[in-house]
Amino acid sequence: DLADDPEERTNLAASPDHQKLLGGF
């Protein structure tokens, strides 16, 4: 999420809140 994490330090691929978004991608 470049708005919250512009330095790209937090990979959200395992985040439960982002699984629907991840699946769509």
PDB file of all heavy atoms in Angstrom:
ATOM      1  N   ASP A   1       0.868  -1.167   0.000  1.00  0.00           N
ATOM      2  CA  ASP A   1       0.000   0.000   0.000  1.00  0.00           C
ATOM      3  C   ASP A   1       0.906   1.219   0.000  1.00  0.00           C
ATOM      4  O   ASP A   1       1.478   1.588   1.033  1.00  0.00           O
ATOM      5  CB  ASP A   1      -0.889  -0.010   1.243  1.00  0.00           C
ATOM      6  CG  ASP A   1      -1.874   1.154   1.278  1.00  0.00           C
ATOM      7  OD1 ASP A   1      -1.634   2.168   0.592  1.00  0.00           O
ATOM      8  OD2 ASP A   1      -2.877   1.061   2.005  1.00  0.00           O
ATOM      9  N   LEU A   2       1.075   1.843  -1.156  1.00  0.00           N
ATOM     10  CA  LEU A   2       2.054   2.920  -1.297  1.00  0.00           C
ATOM     11  C   LEU A   2       1.633   4.193  -0.568  1.00  0.00           C
ATOM     12  O   LEU A   2       2.482   5.036  -0.270  1.00  0.00           O
ATOM     13  CB  LEU A   2       2.294   3.212  -2.775  1.00  0.00           C
ATOM     14  CG  LEU A   2       2.905   2.063  -3.572  1.00  0.00           C
ATOM     15  CD1 LEU A   2       3.067   2.469  -5.033  1.00  0.00           C
ATOM     16  CD2 LEU A   2       4.243   1.642  -2.999  1.00  0.00           C
ATOM     17  N   ALA A   3       0.353   4.333  -0.277  1.00  0.00           N
ATOM     18  CA  ALA A   3      -0.090   5.507   0.478  1.00  0.00           C
ATOM     19  C   ALA A   3       0.380   5.417   1.925  1.00  0.00           C
ATOM     20  O   ALA A   3       0.868   6.398   2.499  1.00  0.00           O
ATOM     21  CB  ALA A   3      -1.607   5.639   0.411  1.00  0.00           C
ATOM     22  N   ASP A   4       0.231   4.247   2.529  1.00  0.00           N
ATOM     23  CA  ASP A   4       0.637   4.051   3.924  1.00  0.00           C
ATOM     24  C   ASP A   4       2.089   3.636   4.069  1.00  0.00           C
ATOM     25  O   ASP A   4       2.686   3.823   5.136  1.00  0.00           O
ATOM     26  CB  ASP A   4      -0.249   2.986   4.579  1.00  0.00           C
ATOM     27  CG  ASP A   4      -1.695   3.436   4.734  1.00  0.00           C
ATOM     28  OD1 ASP A   4      -1.928   4.661   4.709  1.00  0.00           O
ATOM     29  OD2 ASP A   4      -2.571   2.566   4.860  1.00  0.00           O
ATOM     30  N   ASP A   5       2.654   3.085   3.002  1.00  0.00           N
ATOM     31  CA  ASP A   5       3.990   2.473   3.089  1.00  0.00           C
ATOM     32  C   ASP A   5       4.801   2.837   1.847  1.00  0.00           C
ATOM     33  O   ASP A   5       5.114   1.988   1.014  1.00  0.00           O
ATOM     34  CB  ASP A   5       3.824   0.946   3.214  1.00  0.00           C
ATOM     35  CG  ASP A   5       5.135   0.197   3.291  1.00  0.00           C
ATOM     36  OD1 ASP A   5       6.139   0.789   3.745  1.00  0.00           O
ATOM     37  OD2 ASP A   5       5.162  -0.987   2.885  1.00  0.00           O
ATOM     38  N   PRO A   6       5.154   4.116   1.697  1.00  0.00           N
ATOM     39  CA  PRO A   6       5.852   4.537   0.471  1.00  0.00           C
ATOM     40  C   PRO A   6       7.228   3.909   0.298  1.00  0.00           C
ATOM     41  O   PRO A   6       7.721   3.849  -0.831  1.00  0.00           O
ATOM     42  CB  PRO A   6       5.958   6.066   0.632  1.00  0.00           C
ATOM     43  CG  PRO A   6       5.836   6.311   2.095  1.00  0.00           C
ATOM     44  CD  PRO A   6       4.912   5.250   2.607  1.00  0.00           C
ATOM     45  N   GLU A   7       7.837   3.416   1.374  1.00  0.00           N
ATOM     46  CA  GLU A   7       9.153   2.774   1.262  1.00  0.00           C
ATOM     47  C   GLU A   7       9.038   1.280   0.989  1.00  0.00           C
ATOM     48  O   GLU A   7      10.050   0.583   0.937  1.00  0.00           O
ATOM     49  CB  GLU A   7       9.968   3.016   2.540  1.00  0.00           C
ATOM     50  CG  GLU A   7      10.059   4.465   2.984  1.00  0.00           C
ATOM     51  CD  GLU A   7      10.504   5.394   1.883  1.00  0.00           C
ATOM     52  OE1 GLU A   7      11.325   4.978   1.037  1.00  0.00           O
ATOM     53  OE2 GLU A   7      10.043   6.547   1.853  1.00  0.00           O
ATOM     54  N   GLU A   8       7.812   0.764   0.861  1.00  0.00           N
ATOM     55  CA  GLU A   8       7.570  -0.643   0.490  1.00  0.00           C
ATOM     56  C   GLU A   8       8.277  -1.606   1.442  1.00  0.00           C
ATOM     57  O   GLU A   8       8.985  -2.519   1.035  1.00  0.00           O
ATOM     58  CB  GLU A   8       7.999  -0.884  -0.964  1.00  0.00           C
ATOM     59  CG  GLU A   8       7.261   0.025  -1.941  1.00  0.00           C
ATOM     60  CD  GLU A   8       7.864   0.055  -3.322  1.00  0.00           C
ATOM     61  OE1 GLU A   8       8.932   0.705  -3.478  1.00  0.00           O
ATOM     62  OE2 GLU A   8       7.295  -0.554  -4.251  1.00  0.00           O
ATOM     63  N   ARG A   9       8.012  -1.428   2.728  1.00  0.00           N
ATOM     64  CA  ARG A   9       8.648  -2.250   3.753  1.00  0.00           C
ATOM     65  C   ARG A   9       7.715  -3.330   4.295  1.00  0.00           C
ATOM     66  O   ARG A   9       8.169  -4.301   4.886  1.00  0.00           O
ATOM     67  CB  ARG A   9       9.120  -1.359   4.910  1.00  0.00           C
ATOM     68  CG  ARG A   9      10.206  -0.370   4.541  1.00  0.00           C
ATOM     69  CD  ARG A   9      11.530  -1.084   4.297  1.00  0.00           C
ATOM     70  NE  ARG A   9      12.167  -1.457   5.543  1.00  0.00           N
ATOM     71  CZ  ARG A   9      12.709  -2.641   5.809  1.00  0.00           C
ATOM     72  NH1 ARG A   9      12.653  -3.599   4.909  1.00  0.00           N
ATOM     73  NH2 ARG A   9      13.285  -2.896   6.959  1.00  0.00           N
ATOM     74  N   THR A  10       6.400  -3.159   4.088  1.00  0.00           N
ATOM     75  CA  THR A  10       5.438  -4.093   4.661  1.00  0.00           C
ATOM     76  C   THR A  10       4.707  -4.836   3.557  1.00  0.00           C
ATOM     77  O   THR A  10       3.855  -4.265   2.863  1.00  0.00           O
ATOM     78  CB  THR A  10       4.418  -3.350   5.552  1.00  0.00           C
ATOM     79  OG1 THR A  10       5.113  -2.633   6.573  1.00  0.00           O
ATOM     80  CG2 THR A  10       3.460  -4.338   6.195  1.00  0.00           C
ATOM     81  N   ASN A  11       5.050  -6.107   3.385  1.00  0.00           N
ATOM     82  CA  ASN A  11       4.393  -6.949   2.388  1.00  0.00           C
ATOM     83  C   ASN A  11       3.056  -7.416   2.950  1.00  0.00           C
ATOM     84  O   ASN A  11       3.006  -8.144   3.951  1.00  0.00           O
ATOM     85  CB  ASN A  11       5.287  -8.137   2.041  1.00  0.00           C
ATOM     86  CG  ASN A  11       4.681  -9.021   0.964  1.00  0.00           C
ATOM     87  OD1 ASN A  11       3.636  -8.710   0.395  1.00  0.00           O
ATOM     88  ND2 ASN A  11       5.337 -10.138   0.685  1.00  0.00           N
ATOM     89  N   LEU A  12       1.965  -7.005   2.307  1.00  0.00           N
ATOM     90  CA  LEU A  12       0.623  -7.320   2.784  1.00  0.00           C
ATOM     91  C   LEU A  12       0.072  -8.619   2.207  1.00  0.00           C
ATOM     92  O   LEU A  12      -1.102  -8.922   2.409  1.00  0.00           O
ATOM     93  CB  LEU A  12      -0.325  -6.165   2.419  1.00  0.00           C
ATOM     94  CG  LEU A  12       0.015  -4.789   3.010  1.00  0.00           C
ATOM     95  CD1 LEU A  12      -0.903  -3.727   2.416  1.00  0.00           C
ATOM     96  CD2 LEU A  12      -0.083  -4.808   4.520  1.00  0.00           C
ATOM     97  N   ALA A  13       0.922  -9.396   1.523  1.00  0.00           N
ATOM     98  CA  ALA A  13       0.423 -10.601   0.849  1.00  0.00           C
ATOM     99  C   ALA A  13      -0.156 -11.613   1.830  1.00  0.00           C
ATOM    100  O   ALA A  13      -1.040 -12.397   1.465  1.00  0.00           O
ATOM    101  CB  ALA A  13       1.541 -11.247   0.030  1.00  0.00           C
ATOM    102  N   ALA A  14       0.318 -11.609   3.073  1.00  0.00           N
ATOM    103  CA  ALA A  14      -0.192 -12.559   4.069  1.00  0.00           C
ATOM    104  C   ALA A  14      -1.234 -11.934   4.987  1.00  0.00           C
ATOM    105  O   ALA A  14      -1.732 -12.588   5.900  1.00  0.00           O
ATOM    106  CB  ALA A  14       0.966 -13.107   4.898  1.00  0.00           C
ATOM    107  N   SER A  15      -1.562 -10.668   4.747  1.00  0.00           N
ATOM    108  CA  SER A  15      -2.513  -9.977   5.618  1.00  0.00           C
ATOM    109  C   SER A  15      -3.927 -10.506   5.392  1.00  0.00           C
ATOM    110  O   SER A  15      -4.422 -10.502   4.262  1.00  0.00           O
ATOM    111  CB  SER A  15      -2.478  -8.474   5.326  1.00  0.00           C
ATOM    112  OG  SER A  15      -3.600  -7.828   5.874  1.00  0.00           O
ATOM    113  N   PRO A  16      -4.615 -10.967   6.445  1.00  0.00           N
ATOM    114  CA  PRO A  16      -5.990 -11.461   6.275  1.00  0.00           C
ATOM    115  C   PRO A  16      -6.924 -10.413   5.683  1.00  0.00           C
ATOM    116  O   PRO A  16      -7.862 -10.747   4.951  1.00  0.00           O
ATOM    117  CB  PRO A  16      -6.406 -11.833   7.708  1.00  0.00           C
ATOM    118  CG  PRO A  16      -5.120 -12.067   8.439  1.00  0.00           C
ATOM    119  CD  PRO A  16      -4.138 -11.114   7.828  1.00  0.00           C
ATOM    120  N   ASP A  17      -6.659  -9.134   5.978  1.00  0.00           N
ATOM    121  CA  ASP A  17      -7.542  -8.070   5.484  1.00  0.00           C
ATOM    122  C   ASP A  17      -7.371  -7.791   3.996  1.00  0.00           C
ATOM    123  O   ASP A  17      -8.158  -7.027   3.422  1.00  0.00           O
ATOM    124  CB  ASP A  17      -7.272  -6.776   6.260  1.00  0.00           C
ATOM    125  CG  ASP A  17      -7.648  -6.886   7.728  1.00  0.00           C
ATOM    126  OD1 ASP A  17      -8.489  -7.749   8.059  1.00  0.00           O
ATOM    127  OD2 ASP A  17      -7.080  -6.128   8.533  1.00  0.00           O
ATOM    128  N   HIS A  18      -6.352  -8.390   3.373  1.00  0.00           N
ATOM    129  CA  HIS A  18      -6.059  -8.074   1.980  1.00  0.00           C
ATOM    130  C   HIS A  18      -6.172  -9.282   1.050  1.00  0.00           C
ATOM    131  O   HIS A  18      -5.739  -9.217  -0.095  1.00  0.00           O
ATOM    132  CB  HIS A  18      -4.659  -7.464   1.853  1.00  0.00           C
ATOM    133  CG  HIS A  18      -4.533  -6.118   2.495  1.00  0.00           C
ATOM    134  ND1 HIS A  18      -4.312  -5.954   3.835  1.00  0.00           N
ATOM    135  CD2 HIS A  18      -4.624  -4.854   1.964  1.00  0.00           C
ATOM    136  CE1 HIS A  18      -4.251  -4.665   4.117  1.00  0.00           C
ATOM    137  NE2 HIS A  18      -4.440  -3.981   3.014  1.00  0.00           N
ATOM    138  N   GLN A  19      -6.746 -10.381   1.547  1.00  0.00           N
ATOM    139  CA  GLN A  19      -6.795 -11.599   0.727  1.00  0.00           C
ATOM    140  C   GLN A  19      -7.709 -11.470  -0.485  1.00  0.00           C
ATOM    141  O   GLN A  19      -7.419 -12.012  -1.553  1.00  0.00           O
ATOM    142  CB  GLN A  19      -7.211 -12.789   1.596  1.00  0.00           C
ATOM    143  CG  GLN A  19      -6.165 -13.192   2.623  1.00  0.00           C
ATOM    144  CD  GLN A  19      -4.781 -13.349   2.017  1.00  0.00           C
ATOM    145  OE1 GLN A  19      -4.560 -14.234   1.176  1.00  0.00           O
ATOM    146  NE2 GLN A  19      -3.852 -12.494   2.415  1.00  0.00           N
ATOM    147  N   LYS A  20      -8.817 -10.761  -0.341  1.00  0.00           N
ATOM    148  CA  LYS A  20      -9.705 -10.574  -1.491  1.00  0.00           C
ATOM    149  C   LYS A  20      -9.005  -9.757  -2.572  1.00  0.00           C
ATOM    150  O   LYS A  20      -9.065 -10.098  -3.765  1.00  0.00           O
ATOM    151  CB  LYS A  20     -11.000  -9.893  -1.052  1.00  0.00           C
ATOM    152  CG  LYS A  20     -11.993  -9.711  -2.190  1.00  0.00           C
ATOM    153  CD  LYS A  20     -13.298  -9.091  -1.692  1.00  0.00           C
ATOM    154  CE  LYS A  20     -14.280  -8.901  -2.852  1.00  0.00           C
ATOM    155  NZ  LYS A  20     -15.565  -8.292  -2.378  1.00  0.00           N
ATOM    156  N   LEU A  21      -8.345  -8.678  -2.157  1.00  0.00           N
ATOM    157  CA  LEU A  21      -7.599  -7.853  -3.105  1.00  0.00           C
ATOM    158  C   LEU A  21      -6.491  -8.659  -3.759  1.00  0.00           C
ATOM    159  O   LEU A  21      -6.298  -8.602  -4.986  1.00  0.00           O
ATOM    160  CB  LEU A  21      -7.020  -6.636  -2.377  1.00  0.00           C
ATOM    161  CG  LEU A  21      -6.189  -5.659  -3.205  1.00  0.00           C
ATOM    162  CD1 LEU A  21      -7.061  -4.960  -4.252  1.00  0.00           C
ATOM    163  CD2 LEU A  21      -5.532  -4.611  -2.297  1.00  0.00           C
ATOM    164  N   LEU A  22      -5.759  -9.422  -2.949  1.00  0.00           N
ATOM    165  CA  LEU A  22      -4.671 -10.247  -3.469  1.00  0.00           C
ATOM    166  C   LEU A  22      -5.189 -11.256  -4.486  1.00  0.00           C
ATOM    167  O   LEU A  22      -4.601 -11.444  -5.563  1.00  0.00           O
ATOM    168  CB  LEU A  22      -3.970 -10.962  -2.316  1.00  0.00           C
ATOM    169  CG  LEU A  22      -2.697 -11.725  -2.663  1.00  0.00           C
ATOM    170  CD1 LEU A  22      -1.513 -10.765  -2.734  1.00  0.00           C
ATOM    171  CD2 LEU A  22      -2.410 -12.801  -1.616  1.00  0.00           C
ATOM    172  N   GLY A  23      -6.304 -11.916  -4.163  1.00  0.00           N
ATOM    173  CA  GLY A  23      -6.872 -12.898  -5.078  1.00  0.00           C
ATOM    174  C   GLY A  23      -7.282 -12.286  -6.398  1.00  0.00           C
ATOM    175  O   GLY A  23      -7.083 -12.879  -7.470  1.00  0.00           O
ATOM    176  N   GLY A  24      -7.845 -11.081  -6.340  1.00  0.00           N
ATOM    177  CA  GLY A  24      -8.221 -10.399  -7.577  1.00  0.00           C
ATOM    178  C   GLY A  24      -7.022 -10.083  -8.442  1.00  0.00           C
ATOM    179  O   GLY A  24      -7.064 -10.238  -9.673  1.00  0.00           O
ATOM    180  N   PHE A  25      -5.920  -9.643  -7.824  1.00  0.00           N
ATOM    181  CA  PHE A  25      -4.701  -9.369  -8.573  1.00  0.00           C
ATOM    182  C   PHE A  25      -4.158 -10.654  -9.206  1.00  0.00           C
ATOM    183  O   PHE A  25      -3.671 -10.638 -10.346  1.00  0.00           O
ATOM    184  CB  PHE A  25      -3.655  -8.732  -7.668  1.00  0.00           C
ATOM    185  CG  PHE A  25      -3.791  -7.251  -7.501  1.00  0.00           C
ATOM    186  CD1 PHE A  25      -3.759  -6.671  -6.235  1.00  0.00           C
ATOM    187  CD2 PHE A  25      -3.939  -6.419  -8.601  1.00  0.00           C
ATOM    188  CE1 PHE A  25      -3.880  -5.294  -6.074  1.00  0.00           C
ATOM    189  CE2 PHE A  25      -4.060  -5.042  -8.456  1.00  0.00           C
ATOM    190  CZ  PHE A  25      -4.034  -4.481  -7.190  1.00  0.00           C
TER     191      PHE A  25
END
